[in-house]
Amino acid sequence: MKEDQSVLGLETIRRNRGISLAQIAESTKISIRSLEAIERGEFRKLPGGIYNTSYIRQYARAIDYDESAILSYYHRVMGAPERLNAGTPHNRDHGFVSGYPPPTTIMGS
């Protein structure tokens, strides 16, 4: 038996649950190469952007694993914040709230 070189023991968990990468690839439409990258923690091999977290979530669901644990690991490795403070508008200093520009003044004022 080959040694599990995956992060968080994901490959062993997946195998113990009798799930193949091909099955996950078929159900999620994620390439086996990307699934292998997730298992190994080689996140820079993923397509990037929101695809990364989407792929990780789908993989976790496919093997019935806590997606927040994998995402937490992903964010630590990638140096990204785990969450943005949803209650604080990030653009407040620029006159924007929640991504929308401030309302214009009443016409004629």
N, C-alpha and C. Protein backbone atom coordinates (compact mmCIF):
# COMPACT_ATOMS: atom_id res chain seq x y z
N MET A 1 0.85 -1.19 0.00
CA MET A 1 0.00 0.00 0.00
C MET A 1 0.88 1.24 0.00
N LYS A 2 0.57 2.19 -0.85
CA LYS A 2 1.39 3.39 -0.93
C LYS A 2 1.07 4.33 0.23
N GLU A 3 2.07 5.12 0.58
CA GLU A 3 1.92 6.06 1.68
C GLU A 3 1.05 7.23 1.27
N ASP A 4 0.16 7.64 2.17
CA ASP A 4 -0.73 8.77 1.91
C ASP A 4 0.08 10.05 2.03
N GLN A 5 0.21 10.79 0.93
CA GLN A 5 0.95 12.05 0.94
C GLN A 5 0.00 13.23 0.83
N SER A 6 -1.26 12.98 1.15
CA SER A 6 -2.25 14.06 1.06
C SER A 6 -2.26 14.89 2.32
N VAL A 7 -2.81 16.08 2.22
CA VAL A 7 -2.97 16.94 3.39
C VAL A 7 -4.20 16.47 4.16
N LEU A 8 -4.14 16.59 5.45
CA LEU A 8 -5.25 16.22 6.32
C LEU A 8 -5.68 14.77 6.17
N GLY A 9 -4.86 13.94 5.54
CA GLY A 9 -5.22 12.54 5.33
C GLY A 9 -6.39 12.34 4.39
N LEU A 10 -6.58 13.30 3.49
CA LEU A 10 -7.76 13.26 2.61
C LEU A 10 -7.81 12.02 1.72
N GLU A 11 -6.66 11.63 1.19
CA GLU A 11 -6.65 10.47 0.30
C GLU A 11 -7.08 9.22 1.06
N THR A 12 -6.57 9.05 2.27
CA THR A 12 -6.93 7.88 3.07
C THR A 12 -8.41 7.89 3.42
N ILE A 13 -8.92 9.04 3.80
CA ILE A 13 -10.34 9.17 4.12
C ILE A 13 -11.18 8.80 2.90
N ARG A 14 -10.81 9.35 1.75
CA ARG A 14 -11.56 9.07 0.51
C ARG A 14 -11.52 7.58 0.20
N ARG A 15 -10.34 6.98 0.27
CA ARG A 15 -10.20 5.56 -0.04
C ARG A 15 -10.98 4.69 0.96
N ASN A 16 -10.91 5.05 2.24
CA ASN A 16 -11.64 4.29 3.27
C ASN A 16 -13.14 4.35 3.06
N ARG A 17 -13.60 5.38 2.43
CA ARG A 17 -15.03 5.52 2.15
C ARG A 17 -15.40 4.89 0.80
N GLY A 18 -14.40 4.32 0.14
CA GLY A 18 -14.65 3.61 -1.11
C GLY A 18 -14.99 4.51 -2.28
N ILE A 19 -14.41 5.70 -2.27
CA ILE A 19 -14.69 6.67 -3.32
C ILE A 19 -13.43 6.87 -4.16
N SER A 20 -13.56 6.77 -5.47
CA SER A 20 -12.41 6.98 -6.34
C SER A 20 -12.40 8.42 -6.84
N LEU A 21 -11.23 8.86 -7.25
CA LEU A 21 -11.14 10.20 -7.84
C LEU A 21 -11.98 10.28 -9.11
N ALA A 22 -12.03 9.18 -9.85
CA ALA A 22 -12.84 9.16 -11.08
C ALA A 22 -14.32 9.39 -10.76
N GLN A 23 -14.80 8.81 -9.67
CA GLN A 23 -16.20 9.03 -9.29
C GLN A 23 -16.45 10.49 -8.94
N ILE A 24 -15.52 11.09 -8.20
CA ILE A 24 -15.68 12.49 -7.83
C ILE A 24 -15.63 13.36 -9.08
N ALA A 25 -14.67 13.06 -9.96
CA ALA A 25 -14.53 13.83 -11.20
C ALA A 25 -15.81 13.75 -12.03
N GLU A 26 -16.39 12.58 -12.09
CA GLU A 26 -17.62 12.41 -12.88
C GLU A 26 -18.78 13.19 -12.28
N SER A 27 -18.92 13.16 -10.97
CA SER A 27 -20.07 13.82 -10.34
C SER A 27 -19.90 15.34 -10.24
N THR A 28 -18.65 15.81 -10.12
CA THR A 28 -18.42 17.25 -9.94
C THR A 28 -17.98 17.96 -11.21
N LYS A 29 -17.53 17.20 -12.19
CA LYS A 29 -16.96 17.76 -13.43
C LYS A 29 -15.64 18.49 -13.17
N ILE A 30 -14.97 18.14 -12.06
CA ILE A 30 -13.65 18.67 -11.75
C ILE A 30 -12.63 17.65 -12.24
N SER A 31 -11.58 18.11 -12.89
CA SER A 31 -10.58 17.19 -13.43
C SER A 31 -9.89 16.40 -12.32
N ILE A 32 -9.47 15.20 -12.66
CA ILE A 32 -8.73 14.38 -11.70
C ILE A 32 -7.46 15.10 -11.28
N ARG A 33 -6.82 15.80 -12.18
CA ARG A 33 -5.61 16.55 -11.85
C ARG A 33 -5.89 17.58 -10.75
N SER A 34 -7.00 18.28 -10.84
CA SER A 34 -7.35 19.26 -9.81
C SER A 34 -7.70 18.58 -8.49
N LEU A 35 -8.39 17.45 -8.56
CA LEU A 35 -8.72 16.71 -7.35
C LEU A 35 -7.46 16.21 -6.65
N GLU A 36 -6.51 15.73 -7.43
CA GLU A 36 -5.22 15.30 -6.86
C GLU A 36 -4.50 16.48 -6.22
N ALA A 37 -4.56 17.64 -6.86
CA ALA A 37 -3.92 18.84 -6.31
C ALA A 37 -4.55 19.21 -4.96
N ILE A 38 -5.86 19.08 -4.85
CA ILE A 38 -6.53 19.37 -3.57
C ILE A 38 -6.04 18.39 -2.51
N GLU A 39 -6.02 17.12 -2.84
CA GLU A 39 -5.58 16.12 -1.86
C GLU A 39 -4.15 16.36 -1.39
N ARG A 40 -3.30 16.82 -2.27
CA ARG A 40 -1.88 17.04 -1.93
C ARG A 40 -1.62 18.43 -1.35
N GLY A 41 -2.64 19.28 -1.37
CA GLY A 41 -2.44 20.63 -0.88
C GLY A 41 -1.67 21.50 -1.85
N GLU A 42 -1.67 21.12 -3.11
CA GLU A 42 -0.96 21.87 -4.15
C GLU A 42 -1.96 22.83 -4.80
N PHE A 43 -2.42 23.78 -4.00
CA PHE A 43 -3.51 24.66 -4.42
C PHE A 43 -3.15 25.59 -5.56
N ARG A 44 -1.89 25.85 -5.76
CA ARG A 44 -1.47 26.72 -6.86
C ARG A 44 -1.68 26.05 -8.23
N LYS A 45 -1.94 24.75 -8.22
CA LYS A 45 -2.23 24.04 -9.46
C LYS A 45 -3.70 24.13 -9.85
N LEU A 46 -4.51 24.71 -8.98
CA LEU A 46 -5.94 24.89 -9.28
C LEU A 46 -6.11 26.11 -10.16
N PRO A 47 -7.27 26.27 -10.78
CA PRO A 47 -7.47 27.36 -11.74
C PRO A 47 -7.39 28.77 -11.15
N GLY A 48 -7.63 28.92 -9.86
CA GLY A 48 -7.53 30.23 -9.23
C GLY A 48 -8.89 30.84 -8.93
N GLY A 49 -8.84 31.95 -8.21
CA GLY A 49 -10.05 32.69 -7.89
C GLY A 49 -11.06 31.88 -7.12
N ILE A 50 -12.33 32.16 -7.39
CA ILE A 50 -13.39 31.47 -6.67
C ILE A 50 -13.50 30.00 -7.06
N TYR A 51 -12.87 29.63 -8.17
CA TYR A 51 -12.88 28.21 -8.54
C TYR A 51 -12.21 27.37 -7.47
N ASN A 52 -11.14 27.88 -6.88
CA ASN A 52 -10.41 27.11 -5.88
C ASN A 52 -11.32 26.71 -4.72
N THR A 53 -11.98 27.70 -4.13
CA THR A 53 -12.83 27.37 -2.99
C THR A 53 -14.03 26.54 -3.41
N SER A 54 -14.55 26.77 -4.59
CA SER A 54 -15.65 25.95 -5.08
C SER A 54 -15.21 24.49 -5.24
N TYR A 55 -14.07 24.28 -5.84
CA TYR A 55 -13.54 22.92 -6.03
C TYR A 55 -13.31 22.25 -4.68
N ILE A 56 -12.74 22.98 -3.75
CA ILE A 56 -12.46 22.41 -2.43
C ILE A 56 -13.76 22.02 -1.74
N ARG A 57 -14.76 22.87 -1.80
CA ARG A 57 -16.06 22.57 -1.19
C ARG A 57 -16.69 21.32 -1.82
N GLN A 58 -16.65 21.26 -3.14
CA GLN A 58 -17.24 20.11 -3.83
C GLN A 58 -16.50 18.82 -3.48
N TYR A 59 -15.18 18.89 -3.42
CA TYR A 59 -14.39 17.72 -3.05
C TYR A 59 -14.77 17.26 -1.64
N ALA A 60 -14.82 18.20 -0.69
CA ALA A 60 -15.15 17.86 0.69
C ALA A 60 -16.52 17.20 0.77
N ARG A 61 -17.49 17.75 0.07
CA ARG A 61 -18.84 17.17 0.08
C ARG A 61 -18.84 15.77 -0.52
N ALA A 62 -18.04 15.58 -1.57
CA ALA A 62 -18.01 14.29 -2.25
C ALA A 62 -17.46 13.19 -1.35
N ILE A 63 -16.55 13.54 -0.43
CA ILE A 63 -16.01 12.52 0.47
C ILE A 63 -16.62 12.62 1.87
N ASP A 64 -17.65 13.45 2.02
CA ASP A 64 -18.34 13.65 3.28
C ASP A 64 -17.36 14.07 4.38
N TYR A 65 -16.64 15.15 4.09
CA TYR A 65 -15.62 15.68 5.00
C TYR A 65 -15.99 17.12 5.31
N ASP A 66 -15.59 17.59 6.46
CA ASP A 66 -15.88 18.96 6.89
C ASP A 66 -15.17 19.95 5.96
N GLU A 67 -15.95 20.63 5.12
CA GLU A 67 -15.35 21.55 4.15
C GLU A 67 -14.65 22.71 4.82
N SER A 68 -15.10 23.12 6.00
CA SER A 68 -14.46 24.25 6.68
C SER A 68 -13.04 23.89 7.12
N ALA A 69 -12.79 22.63 7.42
CA ALA A 69 -11.43 22.21 7.80
C ALA A 69 -10.48 22.32 6.61
N ILE A 70 -10.93 21.88 5.46
CA ILE A 70 -10.08 21.97 4.26
C ILE A 70 -9.91 23.43 3.86
N LEU A 71 -10.97 24.20 3.90
CA LEU A 71 -10.87 25.61 3.52
C LEU A 71 -9.98 26.38 4.48
N SER A 72 -10.03 26.06 5.75
CA SER A 72 -9.16 26.71 6.73
C SER A 72 -7.70 26.42 6.39
N TYR A 73 -7.42 25.16 6.07
CA TYR A 73 -6.05 24.79 5.67
C TYR A 73 -5.66 25.54 4.40
N TYR A 74 -6.55 25.58 3.43
CA TYR A 74 -6.30 26.29 2.17
C TYR A 74 -5.94 27.76 2.44
N HIS A 75 -6.73 28.43 3.26
CA HIS A 75 -6.49 29.85 3.54
C HIS A 75 -5.16 30.06 4.27
N ARG A 76 -4.81 29.15 5.17
CA ARG A 76 -3.51 29.27 5.86
C ARG A 76 -2.37 29.12 4.86
N VAL A 77 -2.45 28.11 4.00
CA VAL A 77 -1.39 27.85 3.03
C VAL A 77 -1.27 28.99 2.02
N MET A 78 -2.40 29.49 1.58
CA MET A 78 -2.40 30.52 0.54
C MET A 78 -2.21 31.92 1.11
N GLY A 79 -2.27 32.05 2.43
CA GLY A 79 -2.07 33.36 3.05
C GLY A 79 -3.23 34.30 2.86
N ALA A 80 -4.41 33.75 2.56
CA ALA A 80 -5.60 34.57 2.36
C ALA A 80 -6.40 34.61 3.65
N PRO A 81 -7.15 35.68 3.86
CA PRO A 81 -8.00 35.72 5.06
C PRO A 81 -9.08 34.66 4.97
N GLU A 82 -9.42 34.05 6.10
CA GLU A 82 -10.44 33.02 6.09
C GLU A 82 -11.81 33.59 5.83
N ARG A 83 -12.07 34.77 6.38
CA ARG A 83 -13.36 35.42 6.17
C ARG A 83 -13.17 36.91 6.20
N LEU A 84 -13.96 37.57 5.44
CA LEU A 84 -14.02 39.01 5.55
C LEU A 84 -15.12 39.33 6.54
N ASN A 85 -14.96 40.38 7.28
CA ASN A 85 -15.98 40.76 8.23
C ASN A 85 -17.19 41.25 7.45
N ALA A 86 -18.20 40.41 7.38
CA ALA A 86 -19.37 40.70 6.55
C ALA A 86 -20.13 41.93 7.03
N GLY A 87 -20.00 42.29 8.32
CA GLY A 87 -20.75 43.41 8.84
C GLY A 87 -20.11 44.75 8.58
N THR A 88 -18.90 44.76 8.07
CA THR A 88 -18.19 46.02 7.84
C THR A 88 -18.05 46.28 6.35
N PRO A 89 -18.62 47.36 5.86
CA PRO A 89 -18.41 47.68 4.44
C PRO A 89 -16.93 47.96 4.21
N HIS A 90 -16.35 47.28 3.26
CA HIS A 90 -14.91 47.39 3.02
C HIS A 90 -14.52 48.64 2.27
N ASN A 91 -15.48 49.28 1.63
CA ASN A 91 -15.16 50.45 0.82
C ASN A 91 -15.65 51.74 1.46
N ARG A 92 -15.90 51.72 2.74
CA ARG A 92 -16.47 52.88 3.41
C ARG A 92 -15.60 54.13 3.22
N ASP A 93 -14.30 53.98 3.25
CA ASP A 93 -13.41 55.14 3.11
C ASP A 93 -13.54 55.80 1.74
N HIS A 94 -14.11 55.12 0.81
CA HIS A 94 -14.22 55.66 -0.54
C HIS A 94 -15.64 56.10 -0.86
N GLY A 95 -16.50 56.18 0.17
CA GLY A 95 -17.87 56.61 -0.05
C GLY A 95 -18.78 55.51 -0.55
N PHE A 96 -18.32 54.29 -0.52
CA PHE A 96 -19.11 53.17 -0.99
C PHE A 96 -19.54 52.32 0.20
N VAL A 97 -20.74 51.79 0.12
CA VAL A 97 -21.23 50.87 1.12
C VAL A 97 -21.65 49.60 0.40
N SER A 98 -21.12 48.49 0.83
CA SER A 98 -21.45 47.18 0.25
C SER A 98 -21.27 47.15 -1.26
N GLY A 99 -20.28 47.87 -1.76
CA GLY A 99 -19.97 47.82 -3.18
C GLY A 99 -20.79 48.75 -4.05
N TYR A 100 -21.70 49.54 -3.45
CA TYR A 100 -22.54 50.46 -4.22
C TYR A 100 -22.10 51.90 -3.96
N PRO A 101 -22.13 52.73 -4.97
CA PRO A 101 -21.76 54.13 -4.76
C PRO A 101 -22.81 54.83 -3.90
N PRO A 102 -22.43 55.92 -3.27
CA PRO A 102 -23.41 56.65 -2.44
C PRO A 102 -24.52 57.20 -3.31
N PRO A 103 -25.71 57.36 -2.73
CA PRO A 103 -26.82 57.89 -3.51
C PRO A 103 -26.51 59.32 -3.93
N THR A 104 -26.99 59.69 -5.09
CA THR A 104 -26.79 61.06 -5.57
C THR A 104 -27.76 61.99 -4.85
N THR A 105 -27.47 63.25 -4.92
CA THR A 105 -28.36 64.22 -4.28
C THR A 105 -29.68 64.29 -5.03
N ILE A 106 -30.67 64.82 -4.39
CA ILE A 106 -31.99 64.96 -5.02
C ILE A 106 -31.85 65.89 -6.23
N MET A 107 -32.54 65.53 -7.27
CA MET A 107 -32.43 66.31 -8.50
C MET A 107 -32.80 67.77 -8.22
N GLY A 108 -32.01 68.66 -8.71
CA GLY A 108 -32.26 70.09 -8.60
C GLY A 108 -31.71 70.70 -7.33
N SER A 109 -31.14 69.87 -6.46
CA SER A 109 -30.60 70.43 -5.21
C SER A 109 -29.19 70.85 -5.38
